[in-house]
N, C-alpha and C. Protein backbone atom coordinates (compact mmCIF):
# COMPACT_ATOMS: atom_id res chain seq x y z
N UNK A 1 0.86 -1.23 -0.07
CA UNK A 1 0.01 0.00 -0.02
C UNK A 1 0.87 1.23 -0.04
N UNK A 2 0.60 2.17 -0.88
CA UNK A 2 1.46 3.44 -0.89
C UNK A 2 1.36 4.23 0.36
N UNK A 3 2.39 4.94 0.67
CA UNK A 3 2.33 5.76 1.90
C UNK A 3 1.35 6.89 1.61
N UNK A 4 0.82 7.44 2.79
CA UNK A 4 -0.17 8.56 2.68
C UNK A 4 0.50 9.70 2.01
N UNK A 5 1.79 9.97 2.36
CA UNK A 5 2.47 11.07 1.79
C UNK A 5 2.57 10.99 0.26
N UNK A 6 2.83 9.83 -0.21
CA UNK A 6 2.95 9.59 -1.72
C UNK A 6 1.55 9.71 -2.30
N UNK A 7 0.51 9.20 -1.75
CA UNK A 7 -0.81 9.36 -2.32
C UNK A 7 -1.21 10.81 -2.32
N UNK A 8 -0.99 11.53 -1.38
CA UNK A 8 -1.37 12.92 -1.38
C UNK A 8 -0.57 13.73 -2.33
N UNK A 9 0.64 13.37 -2.57
CA UNK A 9 1.45 14.09 -3.57
C UNK A 9 0.85 13.78 -4.89
N UNK A 10 0.53 12.48 -5.21
CA UNK A 10 0.01 12.16 -6.46
C UNK A 10 -1.39 12.92 -6.70
N UNK A 11 -2.18 12.99 -5.70
CA UNK A 11 -3.52 13.66 -5.80
C UNK A 11 -3.27 15.14 -6.09
N UNK A 12 -2.24 15.71 -5.48
CA UNK A 12 -1.99 17.14 -5.65
C UNK A 12 -1.40 17.42 -6.99
N UNK A 13 -0.52 16.62 -7.53
CA UNK A 13 0.14 16.86 -8.80
C UNK A 13 -0.37 16.29 -10.05
N UNK A 14 -1.09 15.13 -9.78
CA UNK A 14 -1.52 14.37 -10.90
C UNK A 14 -3.07 13.97 -10.72
N UNK A 15 -3.78 13.91 -11.84
CA UNK A 15 -5.23 13.54 -11.69
C UNK A 15 -5.37 12.08 -11.43
N UNK A 16 -4.46 11.20 -11.79
CA UNK A 16 -4.55 9.79 -11.62
C UNK A 16 -3.08 9.19 -11.66
N UNK A 17 -3.05 7.94 -11.24
CA UNK A 17 -1.79 7.24 -11.38
C UNK A 17 -1.39 7.04 -12.86
N UNK A 18 -2.44 6.94 -13.76
CA UNK A 18 -2.18 6.74 -15.21
C UNK A 18 -1.56 8.03 -15.68
N UNK A 19 -2.11 9.20 -15.28
CA UNK A 19 -1.54 10.45 -15.66
C UNK A 19 -0.14 10.58 -15.20
N UNK A 20 0.14 10.18 -14.02
CA UNK A 20 1.53 10.32 -13.41
C UNK A 20 2.46 9.47 -14.26
N UNK A 21 2.01 8.25 -14.63
CA UNK A 21 2.87 7.38 -15.46
C UNK A 21 3.16 8.04 -16.80
N UNK A 22 2.06 8.57 -17.44
CA UNK A 22 2.26 9.19 -18.79
C UNK A 22 3.13 10.40 -18.68
N UNK A 23 2.98 11.26 -17.72
CA UNK A 23 3.85 12.50 -17.60
C UNK A 23 5.21 12.13 -17.31
N UNK A 24 5.46 11.15 -16.57
CA UNK A 24 6.80 10.65 -16.24
C UNK A 24 7.53 10.18 -17.52
N UNK A 25 6.72 9.48 -18.43
CA UNK A 25 7.22 9.00 -19.63
C UNK A 25 7.59 10.26 -20.53
N UNK A 26 6.62 11.19 -20.52
CA UNK A 26 6.87 12.47 -21.34
C UNK A 26 8.12 13.18 -20.92
N UNK A 27 8.18 13.32 -19.53
CA UNK A 27 9.30 14.07 -18.99
C UNK A 27 10.63 13.40 -19.40
N UNK A 28 10.68 11.99 -19.21
CA UNK A 28 11.87 11.27 -19.60
C UNK A 28 12.27 11.44 -21.02
N UNK A 29 11.29 11.39 -21.99
CA UNK A 29 11.48 11.63 -23.37
C UNK A 29 12.13 13.04 -23.57
N UNK A 30 11.57 13.94 -22.89
CA UNK A 30 12.04 15.32 -23.07
C UNK A 30 13.51 15.43 -22.59
N UNK A 31 13.81 14.94 -21.43
CA UNK A 31 15.22 14.95 -20.96
C UNK A 31 16.25 14.25 -21.88
N UNK A 32 15.77 13.07 -22.37
CA UNK A 32 16.67 12.35 -23.30
C UNK A 32 16.83 12.95 -24.65
N UNK A 33 15.72 13.59 -25.04
CA UNK A 33 15.70 14.24 -26.34
C UNK A 33 16.60 15.45 -26.40
N UNK A 34 16.74 16.12 -25.31
CA UNK A 34 17.66 17.29 -25.24
C UNK A 34 19.12 16.93 -25.73
N UNK A 35 19.57 15.75 -25.21
CA UNK A 35 20.91 15.28 -25.57
C UNK A 35 21.03 15.02 -27.05
N UNK A 36 20.02 14.32 -27.62
CA UNK A 36 20.16 14.08 -29.06
C UNK A 36 19.93 15.29 -29.90
N UNK A 37 19.08 16.24 -29.53
CA UNK A 37 18.92 17.43 -30.25
C UNK A 37 20.26 18.20 -30.32
N UNK A 38 20.90 18.27 -29.22
CA UNK A 38 22.20 18.97 -29.16
C UNK A 38 23.16 18.38 -30.16
N UNK A 39 23.21 17.00 -30.22
CA UNK A 39 24.09 16.31 -31.10
C UNK A 39 23.72 16.59 -32.57
N UNK A 40 22.54 16.34 -32.90
CA UNK A 40 22.05 16.39 -34.33
C UNK A 40 22.11 17.86 -34.81
N UNK A 41 21.86 18.82 -33.97
CA UNK A 41 21.86 20.22 -34.36
C UNK A 41 23.25 20.61 -34.89
N UNK A 42 24.31 20.03 -34.34
CA UNK A 42 25.74 20.34 -34.70
C UNK A 42 25.90 19.95 -36.23
N UNK A 43 25.06 19.02 -36.65
CA UNK A 43 25.13 18.54 -38.08
C UNK A 43 23.99 19.04 -38.92
N UNK A 44 23.26 20.02 -38.36
CA UNK A 44 22.13 20.61 -39.07
C UNK A 44 21.08 19.55 -39.43
N UNK A 45 20.82 18.68 -38.55
CA UNK A 45 19.88 17.53 -38.71
C UNK A 45 18.88 17.63 -37.59
N UNK A 46 17.69 17.03 -37.77
CA UNK A 46 16.74 16.71 -36.71
C UNK A 46 16.81 15.30 -36.43
N UNK A 47 16.23 14.83 -35.28
CA UNK A 47 16.20 13.40 -34.95
C UNK A 47 15.45 12.69 -35.95
N UNK A 48 14.35 13.26 -36.50
CA UNK A 48 13.48 12.71 -37.51
C UNK A 48 14.30 12.50 -38.82
N UNK A 49 15.06 13.43 -39.26
CA UNK A 49 15.89 13.35 -40.43
C UNK A 49 16.99 12.27 -40.31
N UNK A 50 17.61 12.26 -39.08
CA UNK A 50 18.62 11.22 -38.84
C UNK A 50 17.96 9.83 -38.94
N UNK A 51 16.74 9.69 -38.33
CA UNK A 51 16.01 8.42 -38.44
C UNK A 51 15.75 8.00 -39.86
N UNK A 52 15.39 8.92 -40.66
CA UNK A 52 15.00 8.66 -42.12
C UNK A 52 16.33 8.15 -42.79
N UNK A 53 17.43 8.84 -42.51
CA UNK A 53 18.68 8.49 -43.12
C UNK A 53 19.17 7.06 -42.67
N UNK A 54 18.94 6.79 -41.39
CA UNK A 54 19.26 5.51 -40.84
C UNK A 54 18.45 4.35 -41.56
N UNK A 55 17.23 4.61 -41.70
CA UNK A 55 16.26 3.57 -42.39
C UNK A 55 16.66 3.44 -43.81
N UNK A 56 17.02 4.53 -44.50
CA UNK A 56 17.45 4.40 -46.00
C UNK A 56 18.73 3.63 -46.10
N UNK A 57 19.65 3.91 -45.08
CA UNK A 57 20.96 3.12 -45.15
C UNK A 57 20.63 1.66 -45.00
N UNK A 58 19.68 1.22 -44.08
CA UNK A 58 19.40 -0.15 -43.82
C UNK A 58 18.77 -0.72 -45.08
N UNK A 59 18.09 0.02 -45.87
CA UNK A 59 17.46 -0.48 -47.11
C UNK A 59 18.36 -0.54 -48.29
N UNK A 60 19.46 0.19 -48.24
CA UNK A 60 20.36 0.44 -49.28
C UNK A 60 20.88 -0.93 -49.80
N UNK A 61 20.97 -1.33 -51.06
CA UNK A 61 20.97 -0.37 -52.27
C UNK A 61 19.50 -0.10 -52.78
N UNK A 62 18.47 -0.80 -52.11
CA UNK A 62 17.13 -0.52 -52.56
C UNK A 62 16.69 0.95 -52.17
N UNK A 63 15.74 1.43 -52.95
CA UNK A 63 15.13 2.73 -52.53
C UNK A 63 13.72 2.39 -51.96
N UNK A 64 13.27 3.21 -51.13
CA UNK A 64 12.02 2.97 -50.44
C UNK A 64 10.94 4.02 -50.99
N UNK A 65 9.74 3.58 -51.25
CA UNK A 65 8.65 4.58 -51.52
C UNK A 65 8.47 5.48 -50.32
N UNK A 66 8.25 6.73 -50.62
CA UNK A 66 8.17 7.74 -49.57
C UNK A 66 7.15 7.35 -48.42
N UNK A 67 5.94 6.90 -48.77
CA UNK A 67 5.02 6.48 -47.74
C UNK A 67 5.43 5.28 -46.93
N UNK A 68 6.22 4.48 -47.56
CA UNK A 68 6.71 3.23 -46.77
C UNK A 68 7.73 3.79 -45.73
N UNK A 69 8.59 4.66 -46.23
CA UNK A 69 9.59 5.31 -45.29
C UNK A 69 8.85 5.97 -44.17
N UNK A 70 7.86 6.77 -44.49
CA UNK A 70 7.16 7.56 -43.46
C UNK A 70 6.47 6.57 -42.35
N UNK A 71 5.95 5.39 -42.78
CA UNK A 71 5.43 4.50 -41.96
C UNK A 71 6.44 3.82 -41.08
N UNK A 72 7.69 3.75 -41.41
CA UNK A 72 8.77 3.08 -40.63
C UNK A 72 9.34 4.05 -39.62
N UNK A 73 9.15 5.39 -39.76
CA UNK A 73 9.79 6.32 -38.86
C UNK A 73 9.36 6.12 -37.36
N UNK A 74 10.13 6.45 -36.50
CA UNK A 74 9.86 6.26 -35.04
C UNK A 74 8.69 7.10 -34.66
N UNK A 75 8.61 8.39 -35.06
CA UNK A 75 7.54 9.19 -34.75
C UNK A 75 6.80 9.68 -36.06
N UNK A 76 5.57 9.92 -36.00
CA UNK A 76 4.89 10.30 -37.20
C UNK A 76 5.59 11.58 -37.89
N UNK A 77 5.50 11.51 -39.22
CA UNK A 77 6.08 12.68 -39.97
C UNK A 77 4.93 13.19 -40.86
N UNK A 78 4.14 14.10 -40.33
CA UNK A 78 2.96 14.54 -41.17
C UNK A 78 3.48 15.28 -42.47
N UNK A 79 4.65 15.79 -42.50
CA UNK A 79 5.13 16.44 -43.73
C UNK A 79 6.41 15.79 -44.13
N UNK A 80 6.27 14.45 -44.55
CA UNK A 80 7.48 13.75 -45.01
C UNK A 80 8.10 14.39 -46.18
N UNK A 81 7.29 15.06 -47.11
CA UNK A 81 7.83 15.71 -48.27
C UNK A 81 8.89 16.77 -47.88
N UNK A 82 8.53 17.59 -46.86
CA UNK A 82 9.38 18.68 -46.50
C UNK A 82 10.65 18.13 -45.83
N UNK A 83 10.50 17.07 -45.01
CA UNK A 83 11.70 16.41 -44.36
C UNK A 83 12.65 15.92 -45.49
N UNK A 84 12.10 15.28 -46.48
CA UNK A 84 12.89 14.67 -47.58
C UNK A 84 13.46 15.79 -48.44
N UNK A 85 12.82 16.87 -48.69
CA UNK A 85 13.28 17.98 -49.45
C UNK A 85 14.60 18.56 -48.86
N UNK A 86 14.57 18.67 -47.53
CA UNK A 86 15.77 19.19 -46.80
C UNK A 86 16.92 18.23 -47.01
N UNK A 87 16.72 16.95 -46.92
CA UNK A 87 17.82 16.04 -47.04
C UNK A 87 18.28 15.99 -48.51
N UNK A 88 17.34 16.06 -49.44
CA UNK A 88 17.69 16.05 -50.84
C UNK A 88 18.49 17.32 -51.26
N UNK A 89 18.14 18.46 -50.70
CA UNK A 89 18.81 19.68 -50.92
C UNK A 89 20.26 19.60 -50.50
N UNK A 90 20.55 18.85 -49.44
CA UNK A 90 21.91 18.68 -48.94
C UNK A 90 22.62 17.64 -49.68
N UNK A 91 21.97 16.81 -50.51
CA UNK A 91 22.63 15.74 -51.22
C UNK A 91 22.73 14.60 -50.50
N UNK A 92 21.96 14.40 -49.36
CA UNK A 92 22.01 13.19 -48.55
C UNK A 92 21.13 12.07 -49.05
N UNK A 93 20.15 12.30 -49.91
CA UNK A 93 19.28 11.36 -50.46
C UNK A 93 19.08 11.65 -51.94
N UNK A 94 18.66 10.58 -52.63
CA UNK A 94 18.26 10.84 -53.99
C UNK A 94 16.76 10.36 -54.16
N UNK A 95 16.07 10.95 -55.11
CA UNK A 95 14.67 10.62 -55.31
C UNK A 95 14.43 10.14 -56.82
N UNK A 96 13.48 9.29 -56.99
CA UNK A 96 13.34 8.83 -58.36
C UNK A 96 11.80 8.48 -58.40
N UNK A 97 11.16 8.93 -59.53
CA UNK A 97 9.81 8.62 -59.89
C UNK A 97 9.85 7.43 -60.88
N UNK A 98 9.18 6.32 -60.52
CA UNK A 98 9.19 5.28 -61.58
C UNK A 98 8.20 5.71 -62.76
N UNK A 99 8.58 5.29 -63.92
CA UNK A 99 7.80 5.70 -65.10
C UNK A 99 6.39 5.03 -65.09
N UNK A 100 6.28 3.89 -64.44
CA UNK A 100 5.06 3.13 -64.46
C UNK A 100 4.09 3.76 -63.43
N UNK A 101 4.53 4.56 -62.46
CA UNK A 101 3.60 5.15 -61.51
C UNK A 101 4.20 6.40 -61.07
N UNK A 102 3.88 7.53 -61.70
CA UNK A 102 4.51 8.79 -61.43
C UNK A 102 4.03 9.42 -60.09
N UNK A 103 3.02 8.81 -59.40
CA UNK A 103 2.62 9.33 -58.13
C UNK A 103 3.64 8.84 -57.03
N UNK A 104 4.28 7.78 -57.28
CA UNK A 104 5.20 7.23 -56.30
C UNK A 104 6.60 7.90 -56.39
N UNK A 105 7.23 8.17 -55.29
CA UNK A 105 8.55 8.69 -55.24
C UNK A 105 9.41 7.73 -54.44
N UNK A 106 10.39 7.09 -55.02
CA UNK A 106 11.28 6.24 -54.36
C UNK A 106 12.52 7.07 -53.90
N UNK A 107 12.94 6.70 -52.63
CA UNK A 107 13.96 7.49 -51.98
C UNK A 107 15.14 6.58 -51.58
N UNK A 108 16.37 7.03 -51.80
CA UNK A 108 17.55 6.21 -51.44
C UNK A 108 18.60 7.13 -50.81
N UNK A 109 19.48 6.55 -50.07
CA UNK A 109 20.60 7.33 -49.41
C UNK A 109 21.69 7.40 -50.41
N UNK A 110 22.36 8.57 -50.35
CA UNK A 110 23.45 8.79 -51.27
C UNK A 110 24.79 8.42 -50.51
N UNK A 111 25.93 8.45 -51.27
CA UNK A 111 27.23 8.17 -50.65
C UNK A 111 27.47 9.32 -49.61
N UNK A 112 27.08 10.57 -49.94
CA UNK A 112 27.26 11.67 -48.96
C UNK A 112 26.37 11.39 -47.65
N UNK A 113 25.18 10.90 -47.84
CA UNK A 113 24.42 10.57 -46.65
C UNK A 113 24.98 9.41 -45.75
N UNK A 114 25.52 8.43 -46.47
CA UNK A 114 26.14 7.32 -45.77
C UNK A 114 27.38 7.79 -45.04
N UNK A 115 28.19 8.66 -45.68
CA UNK A 115 29.34 9.21 -45.05
C UNK A 115 28.98 10.03 -43.75
N UNK A 116 27.84 10.79 -43.86
CA UNK A 116 27.45 11.55 -42.65
C UNK A 116 27.06 10.60 -41.54
N UNK A 117 26.32 9.51 -41.87
CA UNK A 117 26.00 8.58 -40.89
C UNK A 117 27.24 7.92 -40.24
N UNK A 118 28.21 7.63 -41.09
CA UNK A 118 29.46 7.03 -40.51
C UNK A 118 30.12 8.00 -39.62
N UNK A 119 30.14 9.27 -39.92
CA UNK A 119 30.76 10.31 -39.06
C UNK A 119 29.96 10.46 -37.71
N UNK A 120 28.66 10.26 -37.84
CA UNK A 120 27.85 10.43 -36.64
C UNK A 120 27.86 9.24 -35.78
N UNK A 121 28.10 8.00 -36.27
CA UNK A 121 27.99 6.77 -35.52
C UNK A 121 28.63 6.81 -34.16
N UNK A 122 29.92 7.19 -34.01
CA UNK A 122 30.52 7.12 -32.64
C UNK A 122 29.81 8.20 -31.66
N UNK A 123 29.44 9.29 -32.29
CA UNK A 123 28.82 10.33 -31.38
C UNK A 123 27.40 9.84 -30.98
N UNK A 124 26.70 9.18 -31.90
CA UNK A 124 25.38 8.68 -31.55
C UNK A 124 25.50 7.61 -30.43
N UNK A 125 26.45 6.74 -30.57
CA UNK A 125 26.76 5.71 -29.54
C UNK A 125 26.94 6.40 -28.23
N UNK A 126 27.82 7.42 -28.18
CA UNK A 126 28.16 8.12 -26.89
C UNK A 126 26.88 8.83 -26.37
N UNK A 127 26.10 9.32 -27.25
CA UNK A 127 24.79 10.01 -26.78
C UNK A 127 23.88 8.98 -26.16
N UNK A 128 23.73 7.82 -26.71
CA UNK A 128 22.90 6.75 -26.15
C UNK A 128 23.45 6.31 -24.82
N UNK A 129 24.74 6.19 -24.75
CA UNK A 129 25.37 5.79 -23.50
C UNK A 129 25.12 6.83 -22.39
N UNK A 130 25.21 8.05 -22.78
CA UNK A 130 24.95 9.17 -21.86
C UNK A 130 23.42 9.17 -21.44
N UNK A 131 22.61 8.85 -22.38
CA UNK A 131 21.14 8.89 -22.07
C UNK A 131 20.79 7.70 -21.14
N UNK A 132 21.31 6.54 -21.41
CA UNK A 132 20.81 5.36 -20.71
C UNK A 132 21.90 4.42 -20.18
N UNK A 133 23.16 4.77 -20.23
CA UNK A 133 24.25 3.97 -19.80
C UNK A 133 24.23 3.70 -18.30
N UNK A 134 23.52 4.48 -17.54
CA UNK A 134 23.39 4.24 -16.13
C UNK A 134 22.56 3.12 -15.76
N UNK A 135 21.75 2.62 -16.68
CA UNK A 135 20.92 1.44 -16.45
C UNK A 135 21.68 0.16 -16.73
N UNK A 136 21.33 -0.85 -15.86
CA UNK A 136 21.98 -2.16 -16.01
C UNK A 136 21.39 -2.81 -17.26
N UNK A 137 21.96 -3.86 -17.72
CA UNK A 137 21.43 -4.65 -18.92
C UNK A 137 20.02 -5.16 -18.50
N UNK A 138 19.86 -5.63 -17.30
CA UNK A 138 18.58 -6.15 -16.80
C UNK A 138 17.56 -5.03 -16.75
N UNK A 139 17.89 -3.84 -16.30
CA UNK A 139 16.93 -2.73 -16.24
C UNK A 139 16.56 -2.28 -17.64
N UNK A 140 17.51 -2.20 -18.51
CA UNK A 140 17.16 -1.74 -19.95
C UNK A 140 16.20 -2.83 -20.56
N UNK A 141 16.46 -4.10 -20.42
CA UNK A 141 15.66 -5.19 -20.98
C UNK A 141 14.21 -5.06 -20.34
N UNK A 142 14.15 -4.88 -19.05
CA UNK A 142 12.77 -4.72 -18.41
C UNK A 142 12.10 -3.48 -18.91
N UNK A 143 12.80 -2.39 -19.09
CA UNK A 143 12.16 -1.17 -19.62
C UNK A 143 11.71 -1.29 -21.04
N UNK A 144 12.53 -1.93 -21.91
CA UNK A 144 12.06 -2.18 -23.28
C UNK A 144 10.77 -3.06 -23.19
N UNK A 145 10.68 -4.09 -22.45
CA UNK A 145 9.44 -4.95 -22.32
C UNK A 145 8.28 -4.15 -21.89
N UNK A 146 8.48 -3.28 -20.89
CA UNK A 146 7.43 -2.47 -20.39
C UNK A 146 6.94 -1.47 -21.43
N UNK A 147 7.86 -0.89 -22.13
CA UNK A 147 7.48 0.15 -23.15
C UNK A 147 6.77 -0.53 -24.33
N UNK A 148 7.18 -1.84 -24.74
CA UNK A 148 6.47 -2.43 -25.78
C UNK A 148 5.05 -2.81 -25.36
N UNK A 149 4.92 -3.30 -24.14
CA UNK A 149 3.59 -3.60 -23.56
C UNK A 149 2.68 -2.37 -23.53
N UNK A 150 3.22 -1.31 -23.15
CA UNK A 150 2.38 -0.05 -23.04
C UNK A 150 2.01 0.34 -24.44
N UNK A 151 2.80 0.19 -25.44
CA UNK A 151 2.69 0.69 -26.77
C UNK A 151 1.77 -0.25 -27.61
N UNK A 152 1.85 -1.59 -27.33
CA UNK A 152 1.27 -2.60 -28.19
C UNK A 152 -0.18 -2.33 -28.66
N UNK A 153 -1.13 -1.92 -27.74
CA UNK A 153 -2.51 -1.77 -28.22
C UNK A 153 -2.65 -0.62 -29.17
N UNK A 154 -1.69 0.28 -29.22
CA UNK A 154 -1.77 1.51 -30.01
C UNK A 154 -1.02 1.46 -31.29
N UNK A 155 -0.31 0.35 -31.57
CA UNK A 155 0.42 0.07 -32.83
C UNK A 155 -0.51 -0.55 -33.75
N UNK A 156 -0.24 -0.17 -35.13
CA UNK A 156 -0.92 -0.91 -36.14
C UNK A 156 -0.52 -2.31 -36.28
N UNK A 157 -1.33 -3.20 -36.74
CA UNK A 157 -0.84 -4.62 -36.80
C UNK A 157 0.40 -4.84 -37.71
N UNK A 158 0.62 -3.90 -38.67
CA UNK A 158 1.76 -4.05 -39.55
C UNK A 158 3.03 -3.35 -39.02
N UNK A 159 2.97 -2.79 -37.85
CA UNK A 159 4.12 -2.06 -37.34
C UNK A 159 5.28 -2.97 -36.90
N UNK A 160 6.39 -2.58 -37.25
CA UNK A 160 7.62 -3.33 -36.86
C UNK A 160 7.93 -3.10 -35.35
N UNK A 161 7.21 -2.23 -34.69
CA UNK A 161 7.44 -1.90 -33.36
C UNK A 161 6.61 -2.71 -32.35
N UNK A 162 5.81 -3.61 -32.90
CA UNK A 162 4.94 -4.41 -31.98
C UNK A 162 5.72 -5.35 -31.14
């Protein structure tokens, strides 16, 4: 049974234990995101752009249809076209419209994009270590399982994150 002090603190600060859980998750995301924002901003990237490049490198040498790429991103990208325009302008990705279906745009990573990811790799590893390196292997595994469980009913059946 929770202590009276804890229960009254929850009542005062949060509407429910569910809200407390959610807001703690949000606060954690915000604290961890600050570290990666600082890293990616040095390379004039957003976390979302980095994620797109990472996915395109994994698919290389294949190109991905824009909507397939958008569906694989960690967080929704309502304006995937703008995100890709910025990467294309920097020469980090290439785009191609198949002649059979001009509505589709296939996207691939360029050598310049792969080189940027290679340069970023050790810094990204250090960032992740700074973000979560204080957790033991057992704690990280438990956290991953809990996050998957919390997210599962809200993922689409085709999501690779289920």
